N, C-alpha and C. Protein backbone atom coordinates (compact mmCIF):
# COMPACT_ATOMS: atom_id res chain seq x y z
N MET A 1 0.16 -140.43 -139.01
CA MET A 1 -0.34 -141.21 -137.86
C MET A 1 -0.99 -140.23 -136.89
N LYS A 2 -2.04 -140.73 -136.27
CA LYS A 2 -2.76 -139.90 -135.29
C LYS A 2 -2.03 -139.82 -133.97
N ARG A 3 -2.29 -138.73 -133.26
CA ARG A 3 -1.72 -138.49 -131.92
C ARG A 3 -2.79 -138.08 -130.92
N ILE A 4 -2.38 -138.11 -129.66
CA ILE A 4 -3.25 -137.69 -128.55
C ILE A 4 -2.58 -136.47 -127.88
N ILE A 5 -3.42 -135.48 -127.51
CA ILE A 5 -2.83 -134.37 -126.75
C ILE A 5 -3.35 -134.51 -125.29
N GLY A 6 -2.55 -134.01 -124.40
CA GLY A 6 -2.93 -133.92 -122.98
C GLY A 6 -3.01 -132.45 -122.61
N LEU A 7 -3.99 -132.07 -121.84
CA LEU A 7 -4.15 -130.68 -121.42
C LEU A 7 -4.27 -130.62 -119.86
N ASP A 8 -3.48 -129.66 -119.32
CA ASP A 8 -3.54 -129.33 -117.92
C ASP A 8 -4.15 -127.93 -117.84
N LEU A 9 -5.40 -127.85 -117.45
CA LEU A 9 -6.13 -126.57 -117.50
C LEU A 9 -5.93 -125.82 -116.15
N GLY A 10 -5.53 -124.56 -116.33
CA GLY A 10 -5.46 -123.71 -115.20
C GLY A 10 -6.21 -122.41 -115.51
N ASP A 11 -6.36 -121.55 -114.52
CA ASP A 11 -7.07 -120.31 -114.75
C ASP A 11 -6.30 -119.35 -115.71
N LYS A 12 -4.96 -119.41 -115.63
CA LYS A 12 -4.13 -118.47 -116.40
C LYS A 12 -3.44 -119.12 -117.58
N THR A 13 -3.22 -120.46 -117.49
CA THR A 13 -2.51 -121.14 -118.57
C THR A 13 -3.09 -122.46 -118.86
N ILE A 14 -2.75 -123.07 -120.00
CA ILE A 14 -3.07 -124.43 -120.34
C ILE A 14 -1.78 -125.10 -120.74
N GLY A 15 -1.43 -126.11 -119.99
CA GLY A 15 -0.25 -126.91 -120.35
C GLY A 15 -0.64 -127.88 -121.41
N VAL A 16 0.18 -128.07 -122.43
CA VAL A 16 -0.10 -128.99 -123.57
C VAL A 16 1.02 -129.97 -123.75
N ALA A 17 0.62 -131.25 -123.79
CA ALA A 17 1.60 -132.32 -124.11
C ALA A 17 1.05 -133.06 -125.33
N LEU A 18 2.00 -133.76 -126.03
CA LEU A 18 1.61 -134.47 -127.24
C LEU A 18 2.24 -135.84 -127.18
N SER A 19 1.49 -136.84 -127.62
CA SER A 19 2.01 -138.23 -127.71
C SER A 19 2.86 -138.35 -128.99
N ASP A 20 3.70 -139.35 -128.98
CA ASP A 20 4.41 -139.72 -130.20
C ASP A 20 3.38 -140.44 -131.12
N PRO A 21 3.73 -140.64 -132.38
CA PRO A 21 2.79 -141.25 -133.29
C PRO A 21 2.36 -142.68 -132.91
N LEU A 22 3.24 -143.39 -132.14
CA LEU A 22 2.88 -144.78 -131.76
C LEU A 22 2.11 -144.78 -130.45
N LEU A 23 1.80 -143.59 -129.90
CA LEU A 23 1.01 -143.51 -128.68
C LEU A 23 1.67 -144.19 -127.47
N LEU A 24 3.01 -144.05 -127.38
CA LEU A 24 3.75 -144.66 -126.31
C LEU A 24 4.28 -143.66 -125.29
N THR A 25 4.70 -142.50 -125.78
CA THR A 25 5.33 -141.54 -124.87
C THR A 25 4.69 -140.18 -125.04
N ALA A 26 4.75 -139.38 -123.97
CA ALA A 26 4.22 -138.02 -123.99
C ALA A 26 5.39 -137.04 -123.90
N GLN A 27 5.34 -135.97 -124.64
CA GLN A 27 6.33 -134.94 -124.58
C GLN A 27 5.63 -133.57 -124.35
N GLY A 28 6.24 -132.75 -123.51
CA GLY A 28 5.67 -131.43 -123.32
C GLY A 28 5.79 -130.63 -124.60
N LEU A 29 4.71 -129.98 -124.96
CA LEU A 29 4.68 -129.21 -126.21
C LEU A 29 4.79 -127.69 -125.97
N LYS A 30 3.85 -127.17 -125.20
CA LYS A 30 3.86 -125.73 -124.98
C LYS A 30 2.92 -125.38 -123.82
N THR A 31 3.01 -124.13 -123.40
CA THR A 31 2.06 -123.60 -122.43
C THR A 31 1.34 -122.45 -123.10
N ILE A 32 0.00 -122.58 -123.12
CA ILE A 32 -0.87 -121.54 -123.73
C ILE A 32 -1.24 -120.51 -122.61
N LYS A 33 -0.93 -119.27 -122.88
CA LYS A 33 -1.38 -118.27 -121.91
C LYS A 33 -2.81 -117.96 -122.24
N ARG A 34 -3.71 -118.19 -121.26
CA ARG A 34 -5.15 -117.97 -121.51
C ARG A 34 -5.51 -116.51 -121.68
N ILE A 35 -6.20 -116.29 -122.79
CA ILE A 35 -6.63 -114.91 -123.09
C ILE A 35 -8.15 -114.80 -123.12
N GLY A 36 -8.74 -115.79 -123.61
CA GLY A 36 -10.23 -115.92 -123.72
C GLY A 36 -10.54 -117.23 -124.41
N LEU A 37 -11.70 -117.74 -124.19
CA LEU A 37 -12.02 -119.07 -124.72
C LEU A 37 -11.83 -119.19 -126.26
N LYS A 38 -12.26 -118.14 -126.95
CA LYS A 38 -12.15 -118.16 -128.41
C LYS A 38 -10.67 -118.26 -128.89
N LYS A 39 -9.81 -117.49 -128.25
CA LYS A 39 -8.40 -117.46 -128.61
C LYS A 39 -7.72 -118.74 -128.12
N ASP A 40 -8.15 -119.21 -126.89
CA ASP A 40 -7.58 -120.44 -126.39
C ASP A 40 -7.92 -121.59 -127.36
N PHE A 41 -9.14 -121.67 -127.82
CA PHE A 41 -9.57 -122.71 -128.75
C PHE A 41 -8.85 -122.58 -130.08
N ALA A 42 -8.55 -121.37 -130.50
CA ALA A 42 -7.86 -121.17 -131.75
C ALA A 42 -6.46 -121.78 -131.69
N GLN A 43 -5.77 -121.57 -130.56
CA GLN A 43 -4.45 -122.16 -130.36
C GLN A 43 -4.52 -123.70 -130.32
N ILE A 44 -5.49 -124.21 -129.59
CA ILE A 44 -5.68 -125.62 -129.48
C ILE A 44 -5.99 -126.23 -130.91
N ARG A 45 -6.86 -125.57 -131.63
CA ARG A 45 -7.18 -126.01 -132.96
C ARG A 45 -5.93 -126.12 -133.86
N GLN A 46 -5.05 -125.14 -133.75
CA GLN A 46 -3.81 -125.12 -134.55
C GLN A 46 -2.97 -126.41 -134.21
N ILE A 47 -2.91 -126.74 -132.96
CA ILE A 47 -2.18 -127.93 -132.51
C ILE A 47 -2.84 -129.24 -133.04
N ILE A 48 -4.18 -129.26 -132.89
CA ILE A 48 -4.97 -130.41 -133.35
C ILE A 48 -4.70 -130.68 -134.87
N GLU A 49 -4.77 -129.59 -135.62
CA GLU A 49 -4.58 -129.74 -137.11
C GLU A 49 -3.18 -130.04 -137.44
N GLU A 50 -2.20 -129.36 -136.83
CA GLU A 50 -0.80 -129.57 -137.15
C GLU A 50 -0.33 -130.97 -136.85
N TYR A 51 -0.78 -131.56 -135.79
CA TYR A 51 -0.30 -132.86 -135.32
C TYR A 51 -1.30 -134.01 -135.57
N ASP A 52 -2.38 -133.74 -136.30
CA ASP A 52 -3.35 -134.79 -136.66
C ASP A 52 -3.83 -135.49 -135.39
N VAL A 53 -4.34 -134.73 -134.45
CA VAL A 53 -4.79 -135.23 -133.13
C VAL A 53 -6.11 -135.95 -133.29
N CYS A 54 -6.28 -137.13 -132.69
CA CYS A 54 -7.51 -137.89 -132.78
C CYS A 54 -8.25 -137.93 -131.39
N GLU A 55 -7.58 -137.59 -130.34
CA GLU A 55 -8.14 -137.76 -129.01
C GLU A 55 -7.48 -136.80 -128.08
N VAL A 56 -8.17 -136.46 -126.97
CA VAL A 56 -7.69 -135.55 -125.98
C VAL A 56 -7.81 -136.13 -124.59
N VAL A 57 -6.80 -135.90 -123.77
CA VAL A 57 -6.85 -136.30 -122.39
C VAL A 57 -6.72 -134.98 -121.56
N ILE A 58 -7.71 -134.76 -120.70
CA ILE A 58 -7.71 -133.55 -119.91
C ILE A 58 -7.65 -133.95 -118.41
N GLY A 59 -6.75 -133.31 -117.72
CA GLY A 59 -6.59 -133.53 -116.27
C GLY A 59 -7.79 -133.02 -115.55
N ILE A 60 -8.33 -133.86 -114.67
CA ILE A 60 -9.45 -133.41 -113.80
C ILE A 60 -8.90 -133.32 -112.35
N PRO A 61 -8.93 -132.14 -111.82
CA PRO A 61 -8.47 -131.96 -110.45
C PRO A 61 -9.51 -132.49 -109.48
N LYS A 62 -9.13 -133.44 -108.66
CA LYS A 62 -10.03 -133.95 -107.69
C LYS A 62 -9.48 -133.68 -106.28
N ASN A 63 -10.35 -133.65 -105.33
CA ASN A 63 -9.92 -133.51 -103.97
C ASN A 63 -9.37 -134.84 -103.54
N MET A 64 -8.62 -134.86 -102.45
CA MET A 64 -7.98 -136.07 -101.98
C MET A 64 -8.99 -137.18 -101.60
N ASN A 65 -10.24 -136.78 -101.30
CA ASN A 65 -11.30 -137.75 -101.01
C ASN A 65 -12.05 -138.24 -102.25
N ASN A 66 -11.54 -137.91 -103.46
CA ASN A 66 -12.06 -138.31 -104.72
C ASN A 66 -13.26 -137.53 -105.19
N THR A 67 -13.59 -136.40 -104.51
CA THR A 67 -14.71 -135.64 -104.97
C THR A 67 -14.23 -134.54 -105.89
N ILE A 68 -15.14 -133.91 -106.63
CA ILE A 68 -14.76 -132.82 -107.57
C ILE A 68 -15.15 -131.53 -106.89
N GLY A 69 -14.14 -130.64 -106.77
CA GLY A 69 -14.37 -129.33 -106.16
C GLY A 69 -14.55 -128.27 -107.22
N PRO A 70 -14.46 -127.01 -106.79
CA PRO A 70 -14.68 -125.88 -107.71
C PRO A 70 -13.79 -125.91 -108.96
N GLN A 71 -12.53 -126.19 -108.79
CA GLN A 71 -11.63 -126.21 -109.99
C GLN A 71 -12.05 -127.34 -110.90
N GLY A 72 -12.46 -128.50 -110.39
CA GLY A 72 -12.92 -129.60 -111.19
C GLY A 72 -14.15 -129.20 -111.98
N GLU A 73 -15.06 -128.46 -111.32
CA GLU A 73 -16.27 -128.01 -111.98
C GLU A 73 -15.91 -127.07 -113.17
N LYS A 74 -14.91 -126.24 -113.03
CA LYS A 74 -14.45 -125.40 -114.09
C LYS A 74 -13.96 -126.23 -115.32
N VAL A 75 -13.26 -127.27 -114.98
CA VAL A 75 -12.76 -128.16 -116.05
C VAL A 75 -13.89 -128.83 -116.78
N LEU A 76 -14.91 -129.28 -116.04
CA LEU A 76 -16.07 -129.90 -116.66
C LEU A 76 -16.80 -128.96 -117.57
N LYS A 77 -16.92 -127.66 -117.16
CA LYS A 77 -17.58 -126.64 -117.99
C LYS A 77 -16.74 -126.41 -119.28
N PHE A 78 -15.42 -126.37 -119.10
CA PHE A 78 -14.54 -126.18 -120.23
C PHE A 78 -14.73 -127.37 -121.25
N ILE A 79 -14.87 -128.61 -120.73
CA ILE A 79 -15.03 -129.74 -121.56
C ILE A 79 -16.32 -129.67 -122.39
N GLU A 80 -17.44 -129.24 -121.71
CA GLU A 80 -18.68 -129.02 -122.43
C GLU A 80 -18.48 -128.11 -123.66
N LYS A 81 -17.84 -127.01 -123.45
CA LYS A 81 -17.62 -126.03 -124.51
C LYS A 81 -16.64 -126.59 -125.55
N PHE A 82 -15.63 -127.31 -125.09
CA PHE A 82 -14.63 -127.92 -125.97
C PHE A 82 -15.28 -128.88 -126.95
N GLN A 83 -16.23 -129.70 -126.43
CA GLN A 83 -16.85 -130.68 -127.26
C GLN A 83 -17.79 -130.08 -128.29
N LYS A 84 -18.31 -128.91 -128.01
CA LYS A 84 -19.15 -128.19 -128.99
C LYS A 84 -18.27 -127.70 -130.16
N GLU A 85 -17.04 -127.32 -129.80
CA GLU A 85 -16.09 -126.74 -130.72
C GLU A 85 -15.34 -127.83 -131.54
N PHE A 86 -14.98 -128.93 -130.91
CA PHE A 86 -14.18 -129.98 -131.50
C PHE A 86 -14.90 -131.31 -131.40
N LYS A 87 -14.78 -132.08 -132.42
CA LYS A 87 -15.48 -133.41 -132.44
C LYS A 87 -14.42 -134.50 -132.20
N LEU A 88 -13.82 -134.45 -130.97
CA LEU A 88 -12.80 -135.42 -130.60
C LEU A 88 -13.25 -136.16 -129.33
N LYS A 89 -12.76 -137.36 -129.15
CA LYS A 89 -12.99 -138.13 -127.95
C LYS A 89 -12.22 -137.41 -126.85
N VAL A 90 -12.84 -137.15 -125.71
CA VAL A 90 -12.21 -136.53 -124.55
C VAL A 90 -12.22 -137.53 -123.40
N ASN A 91 -11.04 -137.78 -122.84
CA ASN A 91 -10.86 -138.61 -121.65
C ASN A 91 -10.41 -137.76 -120.53
N LEU A 92 -10.92 -138.07 -119.30
CA LEU A 92 -10.47 -137.41 -118.12
C LEU A 92 -9.44 -138.24 -117.43
N GLU A 93 -8.42 -137.59 -116.95
CA GLU A 93 -7.35 -138.33 -116.20
C GLU A 93 -7.22 -137.63 -114.85
N ASP A 94 -7.27 -138.40 -113.78
CA ASP A 94 -7.05 -137.81 -112.44
C ASP A 94 -5.69 -137.12 -112.36
N GLU A 95 -5.74 -135.84 -112.02
CA GLU A 95 -4.44 -135.11 -112.03
C GLU A 95 -4.01 -134.76 -110.60
N ARG A 96 -4.57 -135.43 -109.60
CA ARG A 96 -4.15 -135.16 -108.28
C ARG A 96 -2.63 -135.30 -108.17
N LEU A 97 -2.00 -134.30 -107.59
CA LEU A 97 -0.59 -134.30 -107.31
C LEU A 97 0.34 -134.18 -108.52
N THR A 98 -0.19 -134.09 -109.76
CA THR A 98 0.74 -134.01 -110.89
C THR A 98 1.56 -132.72 -110.86
N THR A 99 0.98 -131.62 -110.44
CA THR A 99 1.74 -130.37 -110.35
C THR A 99 2.83 -130.45 -109.29
N VAL A 100 2.48 -131.14 -108.20
CA VAL A 100 3.41 -131.35 -107.12
C VAL A 100 4.60 -132.18 -107.58
N VAL A 101 4.32 -133.26 -108.28
CA VAL A 101 5.37 -134.16 -108.83
C VAL A 101 6.22 -133.41 -109.87
N ALA A 102 5.51 -132.66 -110.73
CA ALA A 102 6.25 -131.90 -111.79
C ALA A 102 7.19 -130.88 -111.08
N GLU A 103 6.71 -130.16 -110.11
CA GLU A 103 7.50 -129.16 -109.37
C GLU A 103 8.73 -129.84 -108.74
N ARG A 104 8.49 -130.95 -108.06
CA ARG A 104 9.57 -131.70 -107.36
C ARG A 104 10.63 -132.12 -108.40
N MET A 105 10.15 -132.64 -109.53
CA MET A 105 11.12 -133.07 -110.56
C MET A 105 11.95 -131.88 -111.11
N LEU A 106 11.29 -130.75 -111.27
CA LEU A 106 12.03 -129.55 -111.79
C LEU A 106 13.03 -129.07 -110.75
N ILE A 107 12.67 -129.12 -109.46
CA ILE A 107 13.53 -128.65 -108.45
C ILE A 107 14.80 -129.59 -108.38
N GLU A 108 14.51 -130.91 -108.44
CA GLU A 108 15.63 -131.85 -108.42
C GLU A 108 16.51 -131.68 -109.66
N GLY A 109 15.93 -131.24 -110.75
CA GLY A 109 16.71 -131.01 -111.95
C GLY A 109 17.41 -129.59 -111.94
N ASP A 110 17.32 -128.95 -110.79
CA ASP A 110 17.94 -127.63 -110.54
C ASP A 110 17.47 -126.57 -111.50
N VAL A 111 16.15 -126.61 -111.78
CA VAL A 111 15.58 -125.57 -112.66
C VAL A 111 15.17 -124.37 -111.75
N ARG A 112 15.60 -123.22 -112.18
CA ARG A 112 15.37 -121.98 -111.35
C ARG A 112 13.88 -121.71 -111.28
N ARG A 113 13.45 -121.08 -110.20
CA ARG A 113 12.07 -120.79 -109.93
C ARG A 113 11.40 -120.02 -111.06
N SER A 114 12.05 -119.00 -111.62
CA SER A 114 11.41 -118.26 -112.71
C SER A 114 11.21 -119.14 -113.90
N LYS A 115 12.10 -120.01 -114.22
CA LYS A 115 11.93 -120.97 -115.32
C LYS A 115 10.85 -121.99 -115.04
N ARG A 116 10.79 -122.49 -113.81
CA ARG A 116 9.76 -123.45 -113.41
C ARG A 116 8.37 -122.92 -113.60
N LYS A 117 8.18 -121.67 -113.27
CA LYS A 117 6.83 -121.08 -113.46
C LYS A 117 6.39 -121.14 -114.86
N LYS A 118 7.32 -120.96 -115.81
CA LYS A 118 6.99 -120.93 -117.22
C LYS A 118 6.64 -122.28 -117.79
N ILE A 119 7.18 -123.38 -117.18
CA ILE A 119 7.05 -124.72 -117.80
C ILE A 119 6.30 -125.71 -116.95
N ILE A 120 5.87 -125.32 -115.75
CA ILE A 120 5.26 -126.26 -114.82
C ILE A 120 3.99 -126.91 -115.45
N ASP A 121 3.15 -126.12 -116.07
CA ASP A 121 1.92 -126.65 -116.63
C ASP A 121 2.17 -127.57 -117.80
N LYS A 122 3.19 -127.31 -118.62
CA LYS A 122 3.51 -128.19 -119.71
C LYS A 122 4.03 -129.51 -119.18
N VAL A 123 4.82 -129.47 -118.10
CA VAL A 123 5.34 -130.71 -117.48
C VAL A 123 4.19 -131.50 -116.83
N ALA A 124 3.23 -130.78 -116.18
CA ALA A 124 2.10 -131.47 -115.56
C ALA A 124 1.25 -132.14 -116.67
N ALA A 125 1.07 -131.45 -117.76
CA ALA A 125 0.28 -132.02 -118.92
C ALA A 125 0.98 -133.28 -119.43
N THR A 126 2.26 -133.30 -119.39
CA THR A 126 3.08 -134.49 -119.84
C THR A 126 2.80 -135.64 -118.90
N PHE A 127 2.78 -135.38 -117.62
CA PHE A 127 2.51 -136.47 -116.63
C PHE A 127 1.06 -136.99 -116.81
N ILE A 128 0.10 -136.09 -117.03
CA ILE A 128 -1.30 -136.50 -117.25
C ILE A 128 -1.38 -137.39 -118.47
N LEU A 129 -0.82 -136.96 -119.55
CA LEU A 129 -0.89 -137.73 -120.79
C LEU A 129 -0.15 -139.09 -120.65
N GLN A 130 1.04 -139.05 -120.05
CA GLN A 130 1.78 -140.29 -119.93
C GLN A 130 1.09 -141.30 -119.05
N SER A 131 0.42 -140.84 -117.99
CA SER A 131 -0.39 -141.73 -117.13
C SER A 131 -1.49 -142.42 -117.97
N TYR A 132 -2.12 -141.67 -118.81
CA TYR A 132 -3.16 -142.24 -119.67
C TYR A 132 -2.57 -143.23 -120.65
N LEU A 133 -1.49 -142.86 -121.30
CA LEU A 133 -0.85 -143.75 -122.29
C LEU A 133 -0.38 -145.03 -121.63
N ASP A 134 0.16 -144.98 -120.42
CA ASP A 134 0.64 -146.17 -119.72
C ASP A 134 -0.54 -147.09 -119.40
N ARG A 135 -1.59 -146.56 -118.92
CA ARG A 135 -2.77 -147.38 -118.62
C ARG A 135 -3.33 -148.00 -119.89
N ARG A 136 -3.31 -147.24 -120.96
CA ARG A 136 -3.84 -147.70 -122.26
C ARG A 136 -3.03 -148.90 -122.75
N LYS A 137 -1.70 -148.80 -122.57
CA LYS A 137 -0.81 -149.90 -123.00
C LYS A 137 -1.06 -151.17 -122.22
N LYS A 138 -1.43 -151.03 -120.91
CA LYS A 138 -1.62 -152.22 -120.07
C LYS A 138 -2.84 -153.02 -120.48
N GLY A 139 -3.83 -152.35 -121.07
CA GLY A 139 -4.99 -153.10 -121.48
C GLY A 139 -6.26 -152.30 -121.48
N GLY A 140 -7.12 -152.59 -122.44
CA GLY A 140 -8.36 -151.82 -122.65
C GLY A 140 -9.33 -151.86 -121.49
N ASP A 141 -9.51 -153.01 -120.86
CA ASP A 141 -10.51 -153.12 -119.77
C ASP A 141 -10.16 -152.19 -118.62
N GLU A 142 -8.90 -152.23 -118.21
CA GLU A 142 -8.46 -151.45 -117.10
C GLU A 142 -8.63 -149.95 -117.40
N THR A 143 -8.24 -149.55 -118.60
CA THR A 143 -8.36 -148.18 -119.04
C THR A 143 -9.81 -147.73 -119.06
N GLU A 144 -10.69 -148.52 -119.65
CA GLU A 144 -12.09 -148.24 -119.79
C GLU A 144 -12.75 -147.99 -118.44
N LYS A 145 -12.39 -148.82 -117.40
CA LYS A 145 -12.96 -148.64 -116.13
C LYS A 145 -12.54 -147.36 -115.43
N GLN A 146 -11.33 -146.91 -115.70
CA GLN A 146 -10.85 -145.74 -115.03
C GLN A 146 -11.15 -144.44 -115.80
N ASP A 147 -11.28 -144.51 -117.10
CA ASP A 147 -11.53 -143.37 -117.95
C ASP A 147 -12.94 -142.87 -117.68
N ARG A 148 -13.06 -141.56 -117.75
CA ARG A 148 -14.39 -140.98 -117.82
C ARG A 148 -14.40 -140.28 -119.17
N THR A 149 -15.03 -140.94 -120.09
CA THR A 149 -14.97 -140.46 -121.49
C THR A 149 -16.23 -139.63 -121.78
N PHE A 150 -16.03 -138.54 -122.52
CA PHE A 150 -17.19 -137.71 -122.92
C PHE A 150 -17.43 -137.87 -124.39
């Protein structure tokens, strides 16, 4: 069965989440330490092949006024290169406040700061993917209006 991965792109790491085969729930998979685009893509390719991934959801950082700033532009450039490398449908999911929510959840779970740093991006990717899966379950029209598909 096909799955969807969620990516939370940062300058130093990429958080990766994976859907279950029924496309209902997202689970944090790993955090990729960014080394260079070629090596980053090699790690992503391994995940895509291992889990039979059919689609990707990438968090797009927006400003609170809904505009795309410098970090959002970096994500868009990454997506351009990603699509040349992989022939998968790419959906953008608004990731405003996902890292804040992830951090708050980890603090409430009494996770130590050193441990939080290692898993925050994976948890944020899980929130990004779960948001997409939840909207997808509610209905195609609503999802299509909010998705920015490449």
